[in-house]
Amino acid sequence: MAYHCECCNYSTIYKTHYEKHEKTKKHEKNKNLFVIPKFICKYCAQEYKHKQSLSKHIKYSCTKNKDEDEDSFQTESEEELKDEPKDKSEKKD
């Protein structure tokens, strides 16, 4: 089993070396600077590292978003097209 420190980019196969690394000044300094981006579900507060994972969660497995359907994911341009008349004859003077 390999041990890997993401914030320092340090890897070892020995647990004791990894534990020793965690006590170093370099690790202490880097762990305060290292921020993993988080994407949070607005319905259930579940956290994800990747935006794609959050999107899949909302679409397929989030049980608290039953009230939202795919129509709410429309872009602004699609909504604007709905509001505009289809024929020029429908325009009001």
Protein backbone atom coordinates (compact mmCIF):
# COMPACT_ATOMS: atom_id res chain seq x y z
CA MET A 1 0.00 0.00 0.00
CA ALA A 2 1.35 3.42 -0.94
CA TYR A 3 0.93 6.52 1.22
CA HIS A 4 0.58 9.84 -0.55
CA CYS A 5 0.41 13.39 0.76
CA GLU A 6 -1.53 15.48 -1.77
CA CYS A 7 -0.49 18.90 -0.49
CA CYS A 8 3.25 18.12 -0.54
CA ASN A 9 3.28 15.66 -3.41
CA TYR A 10 5.10 13.17 -1.16
CA SER A 11 4.76 9.39 -1.60
CA THR A 12 6.13 6.41 0.27
CA ILE A 13 5.30 2.76 0.78
CA TYR A 14 6.17 2.89 4.49
CA LYS A 15 3.60 4.09 6.99
CA THR A 16 6.29 5.21 9.45
CA HIS A 17 7.91 7.44 6.82
CA TYR A 18 4.53 8.98 6.02
CA GLU A 19 3.80 9.64 9.69
CA LYS A 20 7.25 11.22 10.07
CA HIS A 21 6.55 13.40 7.02
CA GLU A 22 3.31 14.64 8.57
CA LYS A 23 5.34 16.11 11.45
CA THR A 24 7.74 18.09 9.23
CA LYS A 25 7.70 21.88 8.85
CA LYS A 26 7.24 21.54 5.11
CA HIS A 27 4.04 19.55 5.58
CA GLU A 28 2.66 21.92 8.22
CA LYS A 29 3.29 24.90 5.94
CA ASN A 30 1.82 23.22 2.83
CA LYS A 31 -1.30 21.83 4.48
CA ASN A 32 -2.33 25.36 5.48
CA LEU A 33 -1.88 26.57 1.90
CA PHE A 34 -3.42 23.56 0.19
CA VAL A 35 -7.15 23.90 -0.45
CA ILE A 36 -9.13 21.19 -2.18
CA PRO A 37 -11.94 22.74 -4.22
CA LYS A 38 -15.31 21.56 -3.01
CA PHE A 39 -18.56 21.43 -4.88
CA ILE A 40 -21.52 21.28 -2.53
CA CYS A 41 -25.02 20.03 -3.35
CA LYS A 42 -27.52 22.82 -2.70
CA TYR A 43 -30.17 20.28 -1.68
CA CYS A 44 -28.42 17.93 0.76
CA ALA A 45 -25.00 19.58 1.44
CA GLN A 46 -23.05 16.57 0.12
CA GLU A 47 -19.50 17.58 -0.88
CA TYR A 48 -17.65 16.55 -4.05
CA LYS A 49 -14.15 17.17 -5.39
CA HIS A 50 -15.29 17.39 -9.00
CA LYS A 51 -18.08 19.41 -10.57
CA GLN A 52 -19.02 16.46 -12.78
CA SER A 53 -19.56 14.27 -9.71
CA LEU A 54 -21.89 16.87 -8.23
CA SER A 55 -23.87 17.10 -11.48
CA LYS A 56 -24.33 13.33 -11.61
CA HIS A 57 -25.35 13.28 -7.96
CA ILE A 58 -28.02 15.93 -8.49
CA LYS A 59 -29.32 14.31 -11.65
CA TYR A 60 -29.39 10.67 -10.54
CA SER A 61 -29.07 10.12 -6.82
CA CYS A 62 -29.97 13.18 -4.74
CA THR A 63 -33.21 12.32 -2.99
CA LYS A 64 -33.93 15.85 -1.79
CA ASN A 65 -34.27 17.49 -5.22
CA LYS A 66 -37.46 15.78 -6.37
CA ASP A 67 -39.13 19.16 -6.86
CA GLU A 68 -36.61 20.23 -9.49
CA ASP A 69 -36.88 18.84 -12.99
CA GLU A 70 -34.66 19.19 -16.00
CA ASP A 71 -36.49 22.33 -17.13
CA SER A 72 -34.77 24.32 -14.39
CA PHE A 73 -31.37 23.60 -15.97
CA GLN A 74 -32.21 25.63 -19.11
CA THR A 75 -29.93 28.41 -20.14
CA GLU A 76 -31.05 32.02 -20.29
CA SER A 77 -31.09 32.05 -24.08
CA GLU A 78 -33.56 29.14 -24.16
CA GLU A 79 -35.84 30.99 -21.75
CA GLU A 80 -35.65 34.16 -23.83
CA LEU A 81 -36.65 32.23 -26.96
CA LYS A 82 -39.78 30.99 -25.19
CA ASP A 83 -40.86 34.54 -24.39
CA GLU A 84 -40.43 35.86 -27.94
CA PRO A 85 -43.29 35.43 -30.43
CA LYS A 86 -42.68 32.80 -33.09
CA ASP A 87 -44.35 34.69 -35.94
CA LYS A 88 -43.74 38.28 -36.77
CA SER A 89 -47.50 38.64 -37.20
CA GLU A 90 -47.98 37.97 -33.47
CA LYS A 91 -46.11 41.17 -32.55
CA LYS A 92 -48.12 43.83 -30.78
CA ASP A 93 -48.02 47.38 -32.14
